[in-house]
Every structure is written in C-alpha cells, then in structure tokens.
Amino acid sequence: MVMQPRKQRRWLYRTSKLHEKHRLLHATLSEDLRKKYGKRSARVRKGDKVRVMRGEFAGHEGKVLEVDMKNCRITIEGVTTTKVNGTEVAVPVHPSNVMILSFGEVDDVRKKTLER
C-alpha cells in the first residue's frame, strides 16, 4: 500500500513520537566500518567523527557536537555560518547527508546494536 506524501510528512513532523525518530537518525558507515561490523548504517551519536556528503559543506569532516532528536538534525564542529552581526552559528545537518568515519565511544549499548 502506497501512502500519500502529505500523510508521510504529517507523520514525520507532527505525529511521530520521540522514540520512533531513532531510525531517522541513522547515517551510512565508511567502508572500513562496514567491513569491520558488517552493517551499512548506524545511529549517529555525540562524539562520532563524520564527513558531510551533501550540501554546502560537502567534504567537511568533524565531530558531532549535538544530536537534536526533536528536529532530527545533528550539529558538527566547523560546520558554521556567519550571521550579519558577525557571530558564528552552527548549521544543523540531516544525518542522512553524512557518513560516519569513526565512532566516538563504543559502550555496551552500541556494541550490542552493532553485533546484532
């Protein structure tokens, strides 16, 4: 059954629960990580090193500083823009537009999900 685009958007922005947005925060893994863990993608977490693959900052690499679950965006160090008054502001990036190069900290929870 095919769902209408407006209903998909409504689910994404209005009716989706916070615990359902976890799967929207997945990003593709680099070739090394794919071979090591046998997975294509993983959830982005604070401290991971990522490379921006699409958009204005394509090719930029940096650490994930913040993960915004509500808006489904991540903040990466160095991905900033300058406002008119001269202040630097972080540009939020969607996780589907980045590639995870290395994991920040592999704790028990992450190890379990990667071994699944």
N, C-alpha and C. Protein backbone atom coordinates (compact mmCIF):
# COMPACT_ATOMS: atom_id res chain seq x y z
N MET A 1 0.84 -1.18 0.00
CA MET A 1 0.00 0.00 0.00
C MET A 1 0.89 1.25 0.00
N VAL A 2 0.58 2.15 -0.89
CA VAL A 2 1.37 3.38 -1.01
C VAL A 2 0.69 4.47 -0.19
N MET A 3 1.50 5.16 0.60
CA MET A 3 0.98 6.23 1.44
C MET A 3 1.14 7.57 0.73
N GLN A 4 0.19 8.48 0.93
CA GLN A 4 0.26 9.79 0.31
C GLN A 4 1.41 10.60 0.93
N PRO A 5 2.10 11.41 0.12
CA PRO A 5 3.20 12.21 0.63
C PRO A 5 2.78 13.11 1.80
N ARG A 6 1.59 13.68 1.73
CA ARG A 6 1.17 14.57 2.82
C ARG A 6 1.02 13.83 4.13
N LYS A 7 0.61 12.54 4.05
CA LYS A 7 0.47 11.74 5.27
C LYS A 7 1.84 11.34 5.82
N GLN A 8 2.78 11.10 4.90
CA GLN A 8 4.15 10.80 5.34
C GLN A 8 4.76 12.02 6.05
N ARG A 9 4.55 13.20 5.47
CA ARG A 9 5.06 14.43 6.08
C ARG A 9 4.39 14.70 7.42
N ARG A 10 3.09 14.45 7.50
CA ARG A 10 2.38 14.65 8.76
C ARG A 10 2.94 13.74 9.84
N TRP A 11 3.21 12.49 9.48
CA TRP A 11 3.79 11.57 10.45
C TRP A 11 5.17 12.05 10.88
N LEU A 12 5.96 12.52 9.93
CA LEU A 12 7.33 12.92 10.20
C LEU A 12 7.39 14.13 11.13
N TYR A 13 6.56 15.13 10.88
CA TYR A 13 6.68 16.39 11.61
C TYR A 13 5.69 16.56 12.76
N ARG A 14 4.58 15.83 12.75
CA ARG A 14 3.58 16.08 13.78
C ARG A 14 3.30 14.89 14.67
N THR A 15 3.04 13.74 14.10
CA THR A 15 2.53 12.64 14.91
C THR A 15 3.58 11.62 15.32
N SER A 16 4.81 11.73 14.79
CA SER A 16 5.83 10.75 15.17
C SER A 16 6.29 11.01 16.60
N LYS A 17 6.45 9.92 17.34
CA LYS A 17 6.88 10.01 18.73
C LYS A 17 8.41 10.12 18.77
N LEU A 18 8.92 10.59 19.89
CA LEU A 18 10.35 10.79 20.04
C LEU A 18 11.11 9.47 19.93
N HIS A 19 10.54 8.39 20.47
CA HIS A 19 11.23 7.10 20.41
C HIS A 19 11.18 6.49 19.01
N GLU A 20 10.28 6.98 18.14
CA GLU A 20 10.22 6.49 16.76
C GLU A 20 11.23 7.21 15.86
N LYS A 21 11.72 8.36 16.30
CA LYS A 21 12.64 9.14 15.48
C LYS A 21 14.06 8.58 15.50
N HIS A 22 14.32 7.57 16.32
CA HIS A 22 15.66 6.98 16.38
C HIS A 22 16.10 6.45 15.03
N ARG A 23 15.19 5.84 14.28
CA ARG A 23 15.59 5.27 13.00
C ARG A 23 15.85 6.34 11.94
N LEU A 24 15.37 7.57 12.17
CA LEU A 24 15.66 8.65 11.24
C LEU A 24 17.04 9.24 11.47
N LEU A 25 17.68 8.89 12.59
CA LEU A 25 18.99 9.44 12.94
C LEU A 25 20.12 8.50 12.54
N HIS A 26 19.88 7.62 11.58
CA HIS A 26 20.92 6.72 11.10
C HIS A 26 21.69 7.35 9.94
N ALA A 27 22.98 7.04 9.88
CA ALA A 27 23.84 7.53 8.79
C ALA A 27 24.64 6.35 8.25
N THR A 28 25.07 6.47 7.02
CA THR A 28 25.84 5.41 6.38
C THR A 28 27.22 5.30 7.02
N LEU A 29 27.78 4.11 7.00
CA LEU A 29 29.11 3.86 7.57
C LEU A 29 30.18 3.91 6.47
N SER A 30 31.40 4.23 6.85
CA SER A 30 32.51 4.22 5.90
C SER A 30 32.84 2.77 5.54
N GLU A 31 33.62 2.59 4.50
CA GLU A 31 33.97 1.25 4.02
C GLU A 31 34.66 0.41 5.11
N ASP A 32 35.57 1.04 5.87
CA ASP A 32 36.28 0.31 6.94
C ASP A 32 35.31 -0.21 7.99
N LEU A 33 34.39 0.67 8.43
CA LEU A 33 33.43 0.28 9.46
C LEU A 33 32.45 -0.77 8.94
N ARG A 34 32.10 -0.68 7.65
CA ARG A 34 31.19 -1.68 7.05
C ARG A 34 31.82 -3.08 7.10
N LYS A 35 33.11 -3.15 6.74
CA LYS A 35 33.80 -4.44 6.76
C LYS A 35 33.96 -4.95 8.19
N LYS A 36 34.26 -4.06 9.11
CA LYS A 36 34.50 -4.45 10.49
C LYS A 36 33.24 -4.96 11.18
N TYR A 37 32.11 -4.26 10.99
CA TYR A 37 30.88 -4.59 11.72
C TYR A 37 29.83 -5.30 10.86
N GLY A 38 30.00 -5.32 9.54
CA GLY A 38 29.04 -6.00 8.67
C GLY A 38 27.70 -5.30 8.60
N LYS A 39 27.68 -4.00 8.82
CA LYS A 39 26.45 -3.22 8.76
C LYS A 39 26.63 -2.07 7.78
N ARG A 40 25.53 -1.60 7.24
CA ARG A 40 25.54 -0.50 6.28
C ARG A 40 25.43 0.86 6.95
N SER A 41 24.63 0.91 8.03
CA SER A 41 24.40 2.19 8.70
C SER A 41 24.30 1.99 10.20
N ALA A 42 24.43 3.10 10.92
CA ALA A 42 24.32 3.08 12.38
C ALA A 42 23.79 4.43 12.83
N ARG A 43 23.31 4.46 14.06
CA ARG A 43 22.77 5.69 14.61
C ARG A 43 23.90 6.65 14.95
N VAL A 44 23.71 7.92 14.61
CA VAL A 44 24.72 8.94 14.89
C VAL A 44 24.61 9.32 16.36
N ARG A 45 25.78 9.42 17.02
CA ARG A 45 25.82 9.82 18.42
C ARG A 45 26.84 10.93 18.61
N LYS A 46 26.71 11.64 19.71
CA LYS A 46 27.63 12.71 20.05
C LYS A 46 29.04 12.13 20.20
N GLY A 47 30.02 12.78 19.58
CA GLY A 47 31.40 12.32 19.65
C GLY A 47 31.86 11.55 18.43
N ASP A 48 30.95 11.11 17.57
CA ASP A 48 31.33 10.41 16.35
C ASP A 48 32.02 11.36 15.38
N LYS A 49 32.98 10.84 14.61
CA LYS A 49 33.61 11.64 13.56
C LYS A 49 32.87 11.35 12.26
N VAL A 50 32.38 12.41 11.61
CA VAL A 50 31.58 12.24 10.40
C VAL A 50 32.12 13.13 9.28
N ARG A 51 31.74 12.78 8.05
CA ARG A 51 32.04 13.59 6.87
C ARG A 51 30.72 13.97 6.22
N VAL A 52 30.56 15.26 5.92
CA VAL A 52 29.36 15.74 5.25
C VAL A 52 29.47 15.36 3.77
N MET A 53 28.45 14.69 3.26
CA MET A 53 28.48 14.19 1.89
C MET A 53 27.67 15.05 0.90
N ARG A 54 26.72 15.81 1.39
CA ARG A 54 25.84 16.59 0.53
C ARG A 54 25.72 18.02 1.06
N GLY A 55 25.37 18.91 0.17
CA GLY A 55 25.08 20.27 0.57
C GLY A 55 26.27 21.21 0.49
N GLU A 56 26.12 22.35 1.09
CA GLU A 56 27.11 23.42 1.04
C GLU A 56 28.44 23.02 1.68
N PHE A 57 28.39 22.16 2.70
CA PHE A 57 29.59 21.78 3.43
C PHE A 57 30.10 20.39 3.04
N ALA A 58 29.79 19.93 1.85
CA ALA A 58 30.20 18.61 1.39
C ALA A 58 31.71 18.47 1.46
N GLY A 59 32.17 17.35 2.02
CA GLY A 59 33.59 17.09 2.15
C GLY A 59 34.17 17.49 3.50
N HIS A 60 33.42 18.24 4.28
CA HIS A 60 33.91 18.69 5.58
C HIS A 60 33.83 17.54 6.60
N GLU A 61 34.88 17.39 7.40
CA GLU A 61 34.91 16.35 8.44
C GLU A 61 34.98 17.01 9.80
N GLY A 62 34.32 16.40 10.77
CA GLY A 62 34.34 16.94 12.12
C GLY A 62 33.59 16.03 13.08
N LYS A 63 33.68 16.38 14.37
CA LYS A 63 33.00 15.62 15.40
C LYS A 63 31.56 16.10 15.56
N VAL A 64 30.68 15.18 15.93
CA VAL A 64 29.29 15.54 16.20
C VAL A 64 29.24 16.17 17.59
N LEU A 65 28.76 17.41 17.65
CA LEU A 65 28.68 18.13 18.91
C LEU A 65 27.34 17.93 19.60
N GLU A 66 26.27 17.79 18.80
CA GLU A 66 24.94 17.71 19.37
C GLU A 66 24.03 16.93 18.44
N VAL A 67 23.11 16.16 19.01
CA VAL A 67 22.10 15.44 18.25
C VAL A 67 20.74 15.95 18.69
N ASP A 68 20.00 16.57 17.76
CA ASP A 68 18.68 17.13 18.06
C ASP A 68 17.62 16.12 17.65
N MET A 69 17.08 15.42 18.65
CA MET A 69 16.09 14.38 18.36
C MET A 69 14.78 14.98 17.84
N LYS A 70 14.39 16.11 18.38
CA LYS A 70 13.11 16.70 18.02
C LYS A 70 13.06 17.11 16.55
N ASN A 71 14.10 17.77 16.09
CA ASN A 71 14.13 18.25 14.70
C ASN A 71 14.88 17.31 13.76
N CYS A 72 15.42 16.23 14.29
CA CYS A 72 16.14 15.22 13.51
C CYS A 72 17.32 15.84 12.76
N ARG A 73 18.15 16.58 13.48
CA ARG A 73 19.33 17.22 12.91
C ARG A 73 20.52 17.01 13.84
N ILE A 74 21.72 17.09 13.26
CA ILE A 74 22.93 17.00 14.07
C ILE A 74 23.78 18.25 13.84
N THR A 75 24.58 18.59 14.84
CA THR A 75 25.49 19.73 14.75
C THR A 75 26.91 19.20 14.71
N ILE A 76 27.69 19.66 13.75
CA ILE A 76 29.05 19.19 13.54
C ILE A 76 30.01 20.35 13.74
N GLU A 77 31.15 20.08 14.40
CA GLU A 77 32.11 21.16 14.62
C GLU A 77 32.70 21.62 13.29
N GLY A 78 32.78 22.93 13.12
CA GLY A 78 33.31 23.51 11.90
C GLY A 78 32.27 23.80 10.84
N VAL A 79 31.07 23.23 10.98
CA VAL A 79 30.00 23.49 10.02
C VAL A 79 29.20 24.67 10.57
N THR A 80 29.67 25.87 10.24
CA THR A 80 29.06 27.09 10.76
C THR A 80 28.86 28.10 9.65
N THR A 81 28.02 29.07 9.94
CA THR A 81 27.82 30.19 9.04
C THR A 81 27.92 31.47 9.86
N THR A 82 28.23 32.56 9.20
CA THR A 82 28.37 33.84 9.89
C THR A 82 27.11 34.67 9.70
N LYS A 83 26.57 35.14 10.81
CA LYS A 83 25.39 35.99 10.76
C LYS A 83 25.81 37.40 10.37
N VAL A 84 24.83 38.25 10.09
CA VAL A 84 25.10 39.62 9.65
C VAL A 84 25.86 40.39 10.72
N ASN A 85 25.57 40.12 12.01
CA ASN A 85 26.25 40.85 13.08
C ASN A 85 27.63 40.27 13.40
N GLY A 86 28.07 39.23 12.68
CA GLY A 86 29.41 38.69 12.83
C GLY A 86 29.55 37.46 13.70
N THR A 87 28.46 37.02 14.33
CA THR A 87 28.56 35.84 15.19
C THR A 87 28.50 34.56 14.37
N GLU A 88 29.22 33.55 14.84
CA GLU A 88 29.23 32.24 14.18
C GLU A 88 28.08 31.40 14.73
N VAL A 89 27.33 30.77 13.83
CA VAL A 89 26.20 29.94 14.23
C VAL A 89 26.34 28.58 13.56
N ALA A 90 26.11 27.52 14.33
CA ALA A 90 26.19 26.16 13.78
C ALA A 90 25.04 25.91 12.81
N VAL A 91 25.34 25.22 11.72
CA VAL A 91 24.33 24.87 10.73
C VAL A 91 23.90 23.43 10.98
N PRO A 92 22.62 23.18 11.30
CA PRO A 92 22.18 21.81 11.53
C PRO A 92 22.15 21.01 10.22
N VAL A 93 22.57 19.74 10.30
CA VAL A 93 22.65 18.87 9.12
C VAL A 93 21.81 17.62 9.38
N HIS A 94 21.12 17.16 8.35
CA HIS A 94 20.34 15.92 8.49
C HIS A 94 21.30 14.72 8.48
N PRO A 95 21.09 13.74 9.35
CA PRO A 95 22.01 12.60 9.43
C PRO A 95 22.14 11.79 8.14
N SER A 96 21.14 11.82 7.27
CA SER A 96 21.24 11.07 6.02
C SER A 96 22.26 11.68 5.08
N ASN A 97 22.70 12.90 5.35
CA ASN A 97 23.67 13.58 4.50
C ASN A 97 25.10 13.46 4.99
N VAL A 98 25.34 12.61 5.97
CA VAL A 98 26.69 12.43 6.50
C VAL A 98 27.10 10.96 6.44
N MET A 99 28.41 10.73 6.54
CA MET A 99 28.95 9.37 6.62
C MET A 99 29.77 9.28 7.91
N ILE A 100 29.54 8.22 8.67
CA ILE A 100 30.28 8.03 9.90
C ILE A 100 31.65 7.45 9.57
N LEU A 101 32.71 8.16 9.97
CA LEU A 101 34.08 7.72 9.70
C LEU A 101 34.63 6.90 10.87
N SER A 102 34.32 7.31 12.10
CA SER A 102 34.75 6.55 13.28
C SER A 102 33.80 6.85 14.42
N PHE A 103 33.65 5.86 15.29
CA PHE A 103 32.78 6.00 16.44
C PHE A 103 33.53 6.70 17.56
N GLY A 104 32.82 7.55 18.29
CA GLY A 104 33.44 8.26 19.39
C GLY A 104 33.75 7.33 20.55
N GLU A 105 32.72 6.71 21.08
CA GLU A 105 32.88 5.83 22.23
C GLU A 105 31.99 4.61 21.99
N VAL A 106 32.58 3.43 22.00
CA VAL A 106 31.80 2.21 21.79
C VAL A 106 31.53 1.61 23.16
N ASP A 107 30.37 1.95 23.74
CA ASP A 107 29.98 1.40 25.04
C ASP A 107 29.19 0.11 24.83
N ASP A 108 28.68 -0.45 25.91
CA ASP A 108 27.97 -1.74 25.83
C ASP A 108 26.74 -1.67 24.94
N VAL A 109 25.98 -0.57 25.02
CA VAL A 109 24.74 -0.44 24.24
C VAL A 109 25.06 -0.41 22.75
N ARG A 110 26.04 0.38 22.38
CA ARG A 110 26.38 0.48 20.96
C ARG A 110 26.99 -0.82 20.46
N LYS A 111 27.81 -1.46 21.28
CA LYS A 111 28.43 -2.73 20.89
C LYS A 111 27.35 -3.77 20.61
N LYS A 112 26.31 -3.78 21.44
CA LYS A 112 25.21 -4.73 21.28
C LYS A 112 24.46 -4.49 19.97
N THR A 113 24.20 -3.22 19.65
CA THR A 113 23.47 -2.91 18.42
C THR A 113 24.31 -3.22 17.19
N LEU A 114 25.62 -3.03 17.26
CA LEU A 114 26.48 -3.32 16.11
C LEU A 114 26.66 -4.82 15.89
N GLU A 115 26.60 -5.59 16.96
CA GLU A 115 26.76 -7.04 16.83
C GLU A 115 25.47 -7.74 16.42
N ARG A 116 24.36 -7.06 16.52
CA ARG A 116 23.07 -7.64 16.18
C ARG A 116 23.01 -8.06 14.73
